[in-house]
Protein backbone atom coordinates (compact mmCIF):
# COMPACT_ATOMS: atom_id res chain seq x y z
CA UNK A 1 86.65 160.30 338.18
CA UNK A 2 87.37 159.32 334.58
CA UNK A 3 86.10 156.85 331.99
CA UNK A 4 88.79 154.88 330.16
CA UNK A 5 87.94 153.14 326.86
CA UNK A 6 88.94 149.52 326.46
CA UNK A 7 88.01 146.05 325.24
CA UNK A 8 86.40 143.38 327.42
CA UNK A 9 88.92 140.75 328.49
CA UNK A 10 86.62 137.75 328.90
CA UNK A 11 85.77 135.99 325.62
CA UNK A 12 87.03 136.47 322.09
CA UNK A 13 84.16 138.67 320.87
CA UNK A 14 86.00 141.90 321.67
CA UNK A 15 83.20 144.10 323.03
CA UNK A 16 83.97 147.76 323.65
CA UNK A 17 83.49 149.30 327.08
CA UNK A 18 84.46 152.18 329.36
CA UNK A 19 85.99 151.57 332.78
CA UNK A 20 84.92 153.97 335.53
CA UNK A 21 88.21 154.86 337.23
CA UNK A 22 88.59 156.70 340.52
CA UNK A 23 92.29 157.14 341.27
CA UNK A 24 93.73 153.62 341.23
CA UNK A 25 90.36 151.94 341.70
CA UNK A 26 88.11 150.67 338.90
CA UNK A 27 84.57 151.07 340.19
CA UNK A 28 82.38 150.16 337.25
CA UNK A 29 82.05 149.37 333.57
CA UNK A 30 79.77 150.76 330.89
CA UNK A 31 79.23 149.68 327.25
CA UNK A 32 80.45 151.69 324.29
CA UNK A 33 77.56 152.76 322.09
CA UNK A 34 79.79 153.37 319.06
CA UNK A 35 81.70 150.07 319.16
CA UNK A 36 81.18 148.19 315.85
CA UNK A 37 80.80 144.77 317.49
CA UNK A 38 78.97 145.25 320.77
CA UNK A 39 76.89 148.29 319.69
CA UNK A 40 76.19 149.49 323.23
CA UNK A 41 75.71 146.03 324.74
CA UNK A 42 77.56 143.88 327.26
CA UNK A 43 76.78 140.39 328.50
CA UNK A 44 76.55 139.61 332.22
CA UNK A 45 80.26 138.77 332.28
CA UNK A 46 81.15 142.04 330.57
CA UNK A 47 79.10 144.08 333.03
CA UNK A 48 81.10 142.56 335.90
CA UNK A 49 84.55 142.20 334.32
CA UNK A 50 85.99 145.02 336.46
CA UNK A 51 85.44 142.98 339.64
CA UNK A 52 88.40 140.79 338.71
CA UNK A 53 90.70 143.78 339.10
CA UNK A 54 89.81 144.34 342.73
CA UNK A 55 89.36 140.80 344.01
CA UNK A 56 91.37 139.83 347.08
CA UNK A 57 92.37 136.63 345.26
CA UNK A 58 94.39 138.55 342.69
CA UNK A 59 98.16 138.14 343.03
CA UNK A 60 99.93 141.46 342.49
CA UNK A 61 103.43 140.54 343.69
CA UNK A 62 105.83 137.63 343.05
CA UNK A 63 105.51 134.54 345.23
CA UNK A 64 107.89 131.63 345.77
CA UNK A 65 106.49 128.33 346.94
CA UNK A 66 107.11 127.80 350.68
CA UNK A 67 108.83 131.20 350.96
CA UNK A 68 105.75 133.34 350.34
CA UNK A 69 105.90 136.88 348.96
CA UNK A 70 109.29 138.07 347.66
CA UNK A 71 110.60 141.10 345.77
CA UNK A 72 110.83 141.10 341.98
CA UNK A 73 114.62 141.13 342.23
CA UNK A 74 114.65 138.04 344.47
CA UNK A 75 112.07 136.28 342.30
CA UNK A 76 114.16 136.79 339.15
CA UNK A 77 117.32 135.62 340.95
CA UNK A 78 115.47 132.53 342.20
CA UNK A 79 114.20 131.78 338.70
CA UNK A 80 117.62 132.12 337.06
CA UNK A 81 119.26 130.00 339.76
CA UNK A 82 116.64 127.27 339.51
CA UNK A 83 116.76 127.03 335.70
CA UNK A 84 120.49 127.45 335.10
CA UNK A 85 121.21 123.75 335.59
CA UNK A 86 118.68 122.64 332.96
CA UNK A 87 119.14 122.22 329.22
CA UNK A 88 116.94 124.30 326.86
CA UNK A 89 115.04 121.14 325.91
CA UNK A 90 114.11 120.68 329.58
CA UNK A 91 112.63 124.16 330.04
CA UNK A 92 109.14 125.18 328.91
CA UNK A 93 107.04 128.33 328.96
CA UNK A 94 103.25 128.60 329.06
CA UNK A 95 101.80 131.74 327.51
CA UNK A 96 98.42 132.95 328.73
CA UNK A 97 95.64 133.47 326.16
CA UNK A 98 94.42 136.26 328.44
CA UNK A 99 97.68 138.22 328.32
CA UNK A 100 98.21 141.15 325.96
CA UNK A 101 100.06 140.80 322.66
CA UNK A 102 102.93 142.82 324.10
CA UNK A 103 103.33 140.56 327.15
CA UNK A 104 103.17 137.36 325.11
CA UNK A 105 105.61 138.72 322.53
CA UNK A 106 108.05 139.48 325.35
CA UNK A 107 107.55 135.99 326.80
CA UNK A 108 108.21 134.41 323.40
CA UNK A 109 111.47 136.37 323.07
CA UNK A 110 112.48 135.44 326.63
CA UNK A 111 111.97 131.75 325.87
CA UNK A 112 113.83 131.73 322.56
CA UNK A 113 116.59 134.31 323.08
CA UNK A 114 117.46 133.94 326.76
CA UNK A 115 116.59 130.32 327.55
CA UNK A 116 117.15 129.07 323.97
CA UNK A 117 114.05 126.89 323.98
CA UNK A 118 111.25 126.31 321.51
CA UNK A 119 109.11 124.79 324.26
CA UNK A 120 106.61 127.63 324.38
CA UNK A 121 102.92 126.88 324.19
CA UNK A 122 99.49 128.25 325.06
CA UNK A 123 97.46 126.73 327.85
CA UNK A 124 94.30 126.43 325.75
CA UNK A 125 95.76 125.94 322.30
CA UNK A 126 94.24 122.58 321.32
CA UNK A 127 91.21 123.35 319.15
CA UNK A 128 92.04 126.86 317.96
CA UNK A 129 95.26 125.75 316.34
CA UNK A 130 93.27 123.34 314.18
CA UNK A 131 91.19 126.27 312.95
CA UNK A 132 94.21 128.41 312.19
CA UNK A 133 96.05 125.61 310.38
CA UNK A 134 93.06 124.92 308.12
CA UNK A 135 92.47 128.58 307.27
CA UNK A 136 96.17 129.25 306.71
CA UNK A 137 96.49 126.24 304.42
CA UNK A 138 93.44 127.32 302.44
CA UNK A 139 93.91 131.08 302.24
CA UNK A 140 97.31 132.04 303.63
CA UNK A 141 95.57 133.89 306.47
CA UNK A 142 95.45 132.38 309.97
CA UNK A 143 92.29 133.91 311.39
CA UNK A 144 88.53 134.15 310.96
CA UNK A 145 87.63 135.01 307.38
CA UNK A 146 84.48 137.01 308.08
CA UNK A 147 83.68 140.16 310.01
CA UNK A 148 81.30 140.28 312.95
CA UNK A 149 80.05 143.56 311.49
CA UNK A 150 78.81 141.59 308.45
CA UNK A 151 76.52 139.23 310.36
CA UNK A 152 73.45 141.32 309.58
CA UNK A 153 74.40 141.34 305.88
CA UNK A 154 74.49 137.55 305.53
CA UNK A 155 71.53 135.79 303.93
CA UNK A 156 72.42 132.44 305.51
CA UNK A 157 73.98 131.95 308.95
CA UNK A 158 75.13 128.52 310.12
CA UNK A 159 76.08 127.69 313.71
CA UNK A 160 77.99 124.40 313.82
CA UNK A 161 78.41 122.56 317.12
CA UNK A 162 78.43 125.68 319.26
CA UNK A 163 76.22 126.97 322.07
CA UNK A 164 76.95 130.49 320.92
CA UNK A 165 74.38 132.33 323.05
CA UNK A 166 76.13 130.99 326.15
CA UNK A 167 79.75 131.08 324.99
CA UNK A 168 79.70 134.40 323.11
CA UNK A 169 76.38 136.10 323.98
CA UNK A 170 76.87 139.30 321.98
CA UNK A 171 77.56 137.34 318.79
CA UNK A 172 74.50 135.25 319.61
CA UNK A 173 72.51 138.47 319.95
CA UNK A 174 73.67 139.57 316.50
CA UNK A 175 72.55 136.24 315.06
CA UNK A 176 69.12 136.68 316.69
CA UNK A 177 68.82 140.16 315.20
CA UNK A 178 69.78 138.92 311.73
CA UNK A 179 67.32 136.02 311.95
CA UNK A 180 64.48 138.36 312.98
CA UNK A 181 65.41 140.59 310.05
CA UNK A 182 65.07 137.78 307.51
CA UNK A 183 68.37 135.88 307.45
CA UNK A 184 68.09 132.10 307.41
CA UNK A 185 69.60 130.81 310.65
CA UNK A 186 70.61 127.12 310.62
CA UNK A 187 72.04 125.25 313.60
CA UNK A 188 73.89 121.96 313.13
CA UNK A 189 74.47 120.30 316.49
CA UNK A 190 74.03 117.14 318.51
CA UNK A 191 72.39 119.21 321.28
CA UNK A 192 69.21 121.25 321.43
CA UNK A 193 70.89 124.53 322.37
CA UNK A 194 69.18 127.87 322.83
CA UNK A 195 70.36 129.01 319.42
CA UNK A 196 68.97 125.78 317.94
CA UNK A 197 65.53 126.61 319.36
CA UNK A 198 65.68 130.05 317.77
CA UNK A 199 66.86 128.78 314.38
CA UNK A 200 64.71 128.45 311.30
CA UNK A 201 66.28 125.02 310.71
CA UNK A 202 67.84 122.70 313.27
CA UNK A 203 69.90 119.78 311.95
CA UNK A 204 70.25 117.31 314.83
CA UNK A 205 73.36 115.19 314.19
CA UNK A 206 74.93 112.29 315.99
CA UNK A 207 77.85 113.32 318.23
CA UNK A 208 81.19 113.41 316.42
CA UNK A 209 79.79 113.48 312.87
CA UNK A 210 80.27 117.15 311.93
CA UNK A 211 82.89 116.23 309.33
CA UNK A 212 80.61 113.71 307.66
CA UNK A 213 77.73 116.20 307.54
CA UNK A 214 79.78 118.93 305.85
CA UNK A 215 81.39 116.38 303.53
CA UNK A 216 77.86 115.49 302.43
CA UNK A 217 76.97 119.17 301.99
CA UNK A 218 80.11 119.67 299.87
CA UNK A 219 79.29 116.52 297.88
CA UNK A 220 75.81 117.78 297.02
CA UNK A 221 77.00 121.27 296.05
CA UNK A 222 79.66 119.78 293.79
CA UNK A 223 77.24 117.27 292.28
CA UNK A 224 74.78 120.03 291.39
CA UNK A 225 77.63 122.23 290.11
CA UNK A 226 76.26 125.25 291.95
CA UNK A 227 79.63 126.85 292.65
CA UNK A 228 82.36 128.14 290.35
CA UNK A 229 85.24 128.09 292.86
CA UNK A 230 87.26 124.92 293.35
CA UNK A 231 89.57 124.06 296.25
CA UNK A 232 93.28 123.51 295.74
CA UNK A 233 93.95 119.97 294.44
CA UNK A 234 90.32 119.79 293.31
CA UNK A 235 90.66 116.60 291.27
CA UNK A 236 92.05 114.76 294.27
CA UNK A 237 89.33 116.25 296.47
CA UNK A 238 86.65 115.23 293.96
CA UNK A 239 87.80 111.61 294.30
CA UNK A 240 87.40 111.94 298.06
CA UNK A 241 83.87 113.36 297.66
CA UNK A 242 82.99 110.38 295.49
CA UNK A 243 83.42 108.18 298.57
CA UNK A 244 80.81 110.14 300.57
CA UNK A 245 77.82 107.81 301.19
CA UNK A 246 75.21 110.51 300.52
CA UNK A 247 72.20 108.25 300.03
CA UNK A 248 72.90 106.41 303.30
CA UNK A 249 74.16 109.43 305.24
CA UNK A 250 71.34 109.10 307.77
CA UNK A 251 72.77 105.85 309.11
CA UNK A 252 76.09 107.51 309.92
CA UNK A 253 74.99 110.99 311.00
CA UNK A 254 71.30 110.76 311.85
CA UNK A 255 70.52 113.36 309.16
CA UNK A 256 68.23 112.67 306.22
CA UNK A 257 69.68 113.27 302.73
CA UNK A 258 66.88 115.77 302.12
CA UNK A 259 68.02 117.90 305.06
CA UNK A 260 71.59 117.85 303.74
CA UNK A 261 70.31 118.92 300.33
CA UNK A 262 68.29 121.75 301.93
CA UNK A 263 71.35 123.21 303.68
CA UNK A 264 73.57 122.71 300.62
CA UNK A 265 71.14 124.50 298.30
CA UNK A 266 70.56 127.43 300.65
CA UNK A 267 74.31 127.79 301.22
CA UNK A 268 75.20 127.65 297.52
CA UNK A 269 72.40 129.87 296.21
CA UNK A 270 72.57 132.58 298.85
CA UNK A 271 74.39 135.79 297.94
CA UNK A 272 76.20 135.66 301.26
CA UNK A 273 76.67 133.13 304.05
CA UNK A 274 78.68 132.74 307.24
CA UNK A 275 79.44 129.81 309.53
CA UNK A 276 80.37 129.95 313.21
CA UNK A 277 81.93 127.16 315.22
CA UNK A 278 83.62 126.93 318.58
CA UNK A 279 87.37 127.11 318.84
CA UNK A 280 89.75 126.50 321.73
CA UNK A 281 90.07 123.31 323.76
CA UNK A 282 86.54 122.05 323.03
CA UNK A 283 86.70 122.86 319.34
CA UNK A 284 86.20 120.69 316.26
CA UNK A 285 88.82 118.39 314.79
CA UNK A 286 91.13 119.48 311.97
CA UNK A 287 89.23 117.26 309.51
CA UNK A 288 85.84 118.67 310.54
CA UNK A 289 87.05 122.26 310.13
CA UNK A 290 88.60 121.38 306.77
CA UNK A 291 85.24 119.94 305.65
CA UNK A 292 83.44 123.14 306.66
CA UNK A 293 86.02 125.26 304.82
CA UNK A 294 85.85 123.16 301.65
CA UNK A 295 82.04 123.31 301.59
CA UNK A 296 82.20 127.12 301.77
CA UNK A 297 84.84 127.22 299.01
CA UNK A 298 82.63 125.11 296.73
CA UNK A 299 79.68 127.38 297.55
CA UNK A 300 81.68 130.52 296.56
CA UNK A 301 81.36 131.93 300.08
CA UNK A 302 84.98 132.90 300.76
CA UNK A 303 86.38 136.42 300.37
CA UNK A 304 83.08 138.21 299.81
CA UNK A 305 81.12 140.73 301.86
CA UNK A 306 78.80 139.01 304.29
CA UNK A 307 80.67 135.72 303.95
CA UNK A 308 83.17 133.91 306.12
CA UNK A 309 84.34 130.82 307.96
CA UNK A 310 84.54 131.97 311.56
CA UNK A 311 86.17 130.05 314.44
CA UNK A 312 84.99 131.77 317.62
CA UNK A 313 87.33 131.80 320.61
CA UNK A 314 86.06 131.65 324.17
CA UNK A 315 89.16 133.40 325.55
CA UNK A 316 89.89 137.03 324.78
CA UNK A 317 93.39 136.85 323.26
CA UNK A 318 93.73 133.26 322.12
CA UNK A 319 94.14 134.47 318.54
CA UNK A 320 96.67 137.14 319.47
CA UNK A 321 98.78 134.64 321.41
CA UNK A 322 99.34 132.64 318.23
CA UNK A 323 99.90 135.83 316.22
CA UNK A 324 102.75 136.67 318.61
CA UNK A 325 104.43 133.29 318.01
CA UNK A 326 103.58 131.55 321.29
CA UNK A 327 103.76 128.08 319.78
CA UNK A 328 106.71 125.68 319.45
CA UNK A 329 106.74 125.84 315.65
CA UNK A 330 105.73 129.46 315.07
CA UNK A 331 107.29 132.90 314.99
CA UNK A 332 105.39 136.18 315.09
CA UNK A 333 102.85 136.55 312.30
CA UNK A 334 102.15 132.81 312.03
CA UNK A 335 105.50 132.33 310.28
CA UNK A 336 106.95 128.85 310.60
CA UNK A 337 110.17 128.54 312.56
CA UNK A 338 111.10 125.87 310.00
CA UNK A 339 110.94 128.50 307.23
CA UNK A 340 114.63 129.33 306.75
CA UNK A 341 113.96 132.79 305.27
CA UNK A 342 111.59 133.76 308.10
CA UNK A 343 113.97 132.42 310.73
CA UNK A 344 116.92 134.36 309.30
CA UNK A 345 114.84 137.54 309.23
CA UNK A 346 114.17 137.30 312.97
CA UNK A 347 117.77 136.34 313.73
CA UNK A 348 119.02 139.40 311.86
CA UNK A 349 116.59 141.70 313.67
CA UNK A 350 117.42 140.27 317.10
CA UNK A 351 121.13 139.71 316.53
CA UNK A 352 121.01 136.14 317.82
CA UNK A 353 120.50 132.66 316.44
CA UNK A 354 117.23 130.97 317.30
CA UNK A 355 117.02 127.44 318.75
CA UNK A 356 116.70 124.70 316.16
CA UNK A 357 115.31 121.73 318.10
CA UNK A 358 111.66 120.76 317.74
CA UNK A 359 109.59 122.24 320.57
CA UNK A 360 106.68 120.58 322.34
CA UNK A 361 102.99 121.52 322.37
CA UNK A 362 100.94 121.90 325.53
CA UNK A 363 99.70 118.31 325.21
CA UNK A 364 103.22 116.95 324.79
CA UNK A 365 104.45 118.97 327.74
């Protein structure tokens, strides 16, 4: 009997655990007390994650439709034979956001080097890509800007459009702890979620108006000149903010101007603040995420301890799948395949030319 350390493979929180292993059988799971994120806790899914390994529904050998179980050698031969008559543009690969970085990196190389196709995508890429594109455009880093370890250090915590206690319970638990310890917890949502009930301030918005709400928050911060940091192309952005109908914002969003001003002032005047919003297929639009990011830039809450704009994934390796280049326009490290220098670097390392045609996303496929 042994206990093997690992990371929970359900959501994107990344809780630490130990698997109880007896020979080839995993018989239980226990939390890691020293893990910086989970701190000795697991949610109900984490406590039962090992059951997936032993379920009779798990496929452990290759299968061919109508033919049933086959050997790996026969499966590979069948695959090569079936795909050999197709052009690269007609072949596509789906990467799994639950696979390891190593497996997805290998799949990306298989698609581009062997089958010469850029049609490689992630099954659940829709919303998370919006988050990464916004953060990369604003900071040059395609990932959450805060640390989950800093939640308890933040004076203001905002949950935007996310039922976080259900989707990522351990992060929700950290928010509860911080709120009980004095942090101001604000929920902005169209639903009365559990986290909304536990918040000091609940901003109930009309569905689909998250962008307008954060535009109004950014407008008020800029008007009061509370922040010293300005976004890129600030003058152009300032013209956009001038079009925000702050005084009549209630008609569009259901939120009183006074409530917007309350959030804006607390965000701008706090020493530290973090925002959390859902990512993945049910995530916010690109424009809504950009509005959140810009509001935090104006409030000087980027790149400091206890601060951060944090898209939270509901699938364990959604972020890593993009990091490995499992997207039609990306190479490993979120480098664009249209970047000539980056493309040549990979071609030199791999000794082959990469495909040049424009690949398709999961929606296009």
